[in-house]
Every structure is written in structure tokens, then in C-alpha cells.
């Protein structure tokens, strides 16, 4: 089973764009346990910078305000049978390692 990460970008006007990326899950870790780990490493347990994690950004073509932020919002993890779509072909553990290294800095 692979892991689907659903996330979104919310601009200052509360308009949303949704996206997802599917990571390999070689250890077969449960989505609930992984989600707890991911949330513990995010900004306020919800936010991250997509560029830093090397996942697709979901920004709108034109910002509506200079109040728009660069953060994306984590939504959920779920197990899936779909093929991995992460452009670097990472395992979910690699994403966790990257999040941990960012949090330490």
C-alpha cells in the first residue's frame, strides 16, 4: 500500500486549491501513525512550504493580495493502491526525515 497525502493552498481570500501526492510506503506503516508523526513536524501541526518539501505548489496564477502566504496546509494521509506520484519517487519515510531535519534547523 502506498500513502496519499492530501493538502491545499488557501489564499488570503480563503479560496482553496486542493492537491495530492502519493508516496511509497515500503514499511507498510499505518496512515494514522504516519499522520501523527507528520503533524508533529509541521508548523502549528498544519502548515508547510511545498517548495522546501519538493512537492507541487498549488498557488493561484495571480495573488489576490499581498497578504497571501507561502504556506500550504496539510489535510490528511490515507492508504491507497495507486502508483506513487511523488516526482522524486520517495518513500513516506524520506518525507518524514526531511520534515525532521527542517524542524531541527
C-alpha atoms as a PDB file:
ATOM      1  CA  UNK A   1       0.000   0.000   0.000  1.00  0.00           C
ATOM      2  CA  UNK A   2       1.150   3.498  -0.808  1.00  0.00           C
ATOM      3  CA  UNK A   3       0.257   6.670   1.083  1.00  0.00           C
ATOM      4  CA  UNK A   4      -1.765   9.527  -0.423  1.00  0.00           C
ATOM      5  CA  UNK A   5      -1.110  12.910   1.130  1.00  0.00           C
ATOM      6  CA  UNK A   6      -3.882  15.429   0.539  1.00  0.00           C
ATOM      7  CA  UNK A   7      -3.085  19.096   1.019  1.00  0.00           C
ATOM      8  CA  UNK A   8      -4.302  22.502  -0.053  1.00  0.00           C
ATOM      9  CA  UNK A   9      -3.340  26.082  -0.615  1.00  0.00           C
ATOM     10  CA  UNK A  10      -5.602  28.683   0.982  1.00  0.00           C
ATOM     11  CA  UNK A  11      -5.091  32.294  -0.060  1.00  0.00           C
ATOM     12  CA  UNK A  12      -5.912  35.410   1.955  1.00  0.00           C
ATOM     13  CA  UNK A  13      -9.437  35.432   0.487  1.00  0.00           C
ATOM     14  CA  UNK A  14      -9.968  31.842   1.725  1.00  0.00           C
ATOM     15  CA  UNK A  15     -10.051  30.487  -1.831  1.00  0.00           C
ATOM     16  CA  UNK A  16      -8.665  26.960  -1.898  1.00  0.00           C
ATOM     17  CA  UNK A  17      -6.846  24.733  -4.358  1.00  0.00           C
ATOM     18  CA  UNK A  18      -6.531  21.055  -3.468  1.00  0.00           C
ATOM     19  CA  UNK A  19      -3.773  18.669  -4.420  1.00  0.00           C
ATOM     20  CA  UNK A  20      -2.333  15.322  -3.552  1.00  0.00           C
ATOM     21  CA  UNK A  21       0.881  13.388  -3.864  1.00  0.00           C
ATOM     22  CA  UNK A  22       1.318   9.646  -3.430  1.00  0.00           C
ATOM     23  CA  UNK A  23       4.396   8.299  -1.679  1.00  0.00           C
ATOM     24  CA  UNK A  24       5.662   4.747  -1.479  1.00  0.00           C
ATOM     25  CA  UNK A  25       5.159   3.045   1.871  1.00  0.00           C
ATOM     26  CA  UNK A  26       7.728   0.249   1.914  1.00  0.00           C
ATOM     27  CA  UNK A  27       7.346  -0.409   5.654  1.00  0.00           C
ATOM     28  CA  UNK A  28       3.571  -0.655   5.430  1.00  0.00           C
ATOM     29  CA  UNK A  29       3.138   1.950   8.163  1.00  0.00           C
ATOM     30  CA  UNK A  30      -0.411   2.823   9.143  1.00  0.00           C
ATOM     31  CA  UNK A  31      -1.756   6.136   7.845  1.00  0.00           C
ATOM     32  CA  UNK A  32      -2.923   7.141  11.345  1.00  0.00           C
ATOM     33  CA  UNK A  33       0.537   6.667  12.881  1.00  0.00           C
ATOM     34  CA  UNK A  34       2.184   8.464   9.969  1.00  0.00           C
ATOM     35  CA  UNK A  35      -0.277  11.343  10.202  1.00  0.00           C
ATOM     36  CA  UNK A  36       0.545  11.844  13.878  1.00  0.00           C
ATOM     37  CA  UNK A  37       4.251  11.952  13.007  1.00  0.00           C
ATOM     38  CA  UNK A  38       3.743  14.363  10.119  1.00  0.00           C
ATOM     39  CA  UNK A  39       1.567  16.745  12.130  1.00  0.00           C
ATOM     40  CA  UNK A  40       4.118  16.822  14.964  1.00  0.00           C
ATOM     41  CA  UNK A  41       6.702  18.146  12.487  1.00  0.00           C
ATOM     42  CA  UNK A  42       4.610  20.808  10.727  1.00  0.00           C
ATOM     43  CA  UNK A  43       4.234  24.489  11.547  1.00  0.00           C
ATOM     44  CA  UNK A  44       1.373  24.627  14.075  1.00  0.00           C
ATOM     45  CA  UNK A  45       0.672  20.962  13.172  1.00  0.00           C
ATOM     46  CA  UNK A  46      -0.866  22.055   9.856  1.00  0.00           C
ATOM     47  CA  UNK A  47       1.399  24.107   7.603  1.00  0.00           C
ATOM     48  CA  UNK A  48       4.454  23.570   5.404  1.00  0.00           C
ATOM     49  CA  UNK A  49       6.302  25.084   2.484  1.00  0.00           C
ATOM     50  CA  UNK A  50       5.730  22.881  -0.562  1.00  0.00           C
ATOM     51  CA  UNK A  51       8.893  24.084  -2.292  1.00  0.00           C
ATOM     52  CA  UNK A  52      11.035  23.016   0.666  1.00  0.00           C
ATOM     53  CA  UNK A  53       9.444  19.544   0.656  1.00  0.00           C
ATOM     54  CA  UNK A  54       9.812  19.322  -3.138  1.00  0.00           C
ATOM     55  CA  UNK A  55       6.129  18.703  -3.758  1.00  0.00           C
ATOM     56  CA  UNK A  56       3.973  20.598  -6.265  1.00  0.00           C
ATOM     57  CA  UNK A  57       2.808  24.041  -5.221  1.00  0.00           C
ATOM     58  CA  UNK A  58      -0.858  24.908  -5.539  1.00  0.00           C
ATOM     59  CA  UNK A  59      -0.663  28.688  -5.771  1.00  0.00           C
ATOM     60  CA  UNK A  60      -3.198  30.601  -7.832  1.00  0.00           C
ATOM     61  CA  UNK A  61      -1.907  32.189 -11.042  1.00  0.00           C
ATOM     62  CA  UNK A  62      -2.368  35.695  -9.673  1.00  0.00           C
ATOM     63  CA  UNK A  63      -2.260  36.521  -5.974  1.00  0.00           C
ATOM     64  CA  UNK A  64      -5.287  38.459  -4.788  1.00  0.00           C
ATOM     65  CA  UNK A  65      -3.452  40.239  -2.023  1.00  0.00           C
ATOM     66  CA  UNK A  66      -0.056  40.912  -0.618  1.00  0.00           C
ATOM     67  CA  UNK A  67      -1.439  39.069   2.421  1.00  0.00           C
ATOM     68  CA  UNK A  68      -1.259  35.720   0.626  1.00  0.00           C
ATOM     69  CA  UNK A  69       1.194  33.472   2.374  1.00  0.00           C
ATOM     70  CA  UNK A  70       3.593  30.852   1.062  1.00  0.00           C
ATOM     71  CA  UNK A  71       2.388  28.043   3.304  1.00  0.00           C
ATOM     72  CA  UNK A  72       0.364  25.056   2.204  1.00  0.00           C
ATOM     73  CA  UNK A  73      -1.973  23.244   4.568  1.00  0.00           C
ATOM     74  CA  UNK A  74      -1.755  19.543   5.349  1.00  0.00           C
ATOM     75  CA  UNK A  75      -5.111  17.766   5.212  1.00  0.00           C
ATOM     76  CA  UNK A  76      -4.702  14.001   5.569  1.00  0.00           C
ATOM     77  CA  UNK A  77      -2.924  10.760   4.792  1.00  0.00           C
ATOM     78  CA  UNK A  78      -4.610   7.626   3.566  1.00  0.00           C
ATOM     79  CA  UNK A  79      -3.541   4.240   2.274  1.00  0.00           C
ATOM     80  CA  UNK A  80      -4.098   3.659  -1.424  1.00  0.00           C
ATOM     81  CA  UNK A  81      -3.363   1.174  -4.189  1.00  0.00           C
ATOM     82  CA  UNK A  82      -2.468   3.912  -6.689  1.00  0.00           C
ATOM     83  CA  UNK A  83       1.065   4.183  -8.016  1.00  0.00           C
ATOM     84  CA  UNK A  84       3.417   6.677  -6.382  1.00  0.00           C
ATOM     85  CA  UNK A  85       3.264  10.132  -7.970  1.00  0.00           C
ATOM     86  CA  UNK A  86       5.997  11.877  -5.990  1.00  0.00           C
ATOM     87  CA  UNK A  87       8.277  13.298  -8.651  1.00  0.00           C
ATOM     88  CA  UNK A  88      11.375  12.191  -6.755  1.00  0.00           C
ATOM     89  CA  UNK A  89       9.934   8.684  -6.182  1.00  0.00           C
ATOM     90  CA  UNK A  90      10.314   8.969  -2.398  1.00  0.00           C
ATOM     91  CA  UNK A  91       9.060   6.756   0.348  1.00  0.00           C
ATOM     92  CA  UNK A  92       6.911   8.431   3.021  1.00  0.00           C
ATOM     93  CA  UNK A  93       9.776   7.802   5.486  1.00  0.00           C
ATOM     94  CA  UNK A  94      12.005  10.065   3.383  1.00  0.00           C
ATOM     95  CA  UNK A  95       9.435  12.836   3.669  1.00  0.00           C
ATOM     96  CA  UNK A  96       9.384  12.359   7.449  1.00  0.00           C
ATOM     97  CA  UNK A  97      13.180  12.540   7.558  1.00  0.00           C
ATOM     98  CA  UNK A  98      13.120  15.789   5.588  1.00  0.00           C
ATOM     99  CA  UNK A  99      10.482  17.258   7.907  1.00  0.00           C
ATOM    100  CA  UNK A 100      12.588  16.275  10.920  1.00  0.00           C
ATOM    101  CA  UNK A 101      15.695  17.899   9.509  1.00  0.00           C
ATOM    102  CA  UNK A 102      13.761  21.123   8.796  1.00  0.00           C
ATOM    103  CA  UNK A 103      12.294  21.182  12.300  1.00  0.00           C
ATOM    104  CA  UNK A 104      15.783  20.872  13.854  1.00  0.00           C
ATOM    105  CA  UNK A 105      17.005  23.935  11.960  1.00  0.00           C
END
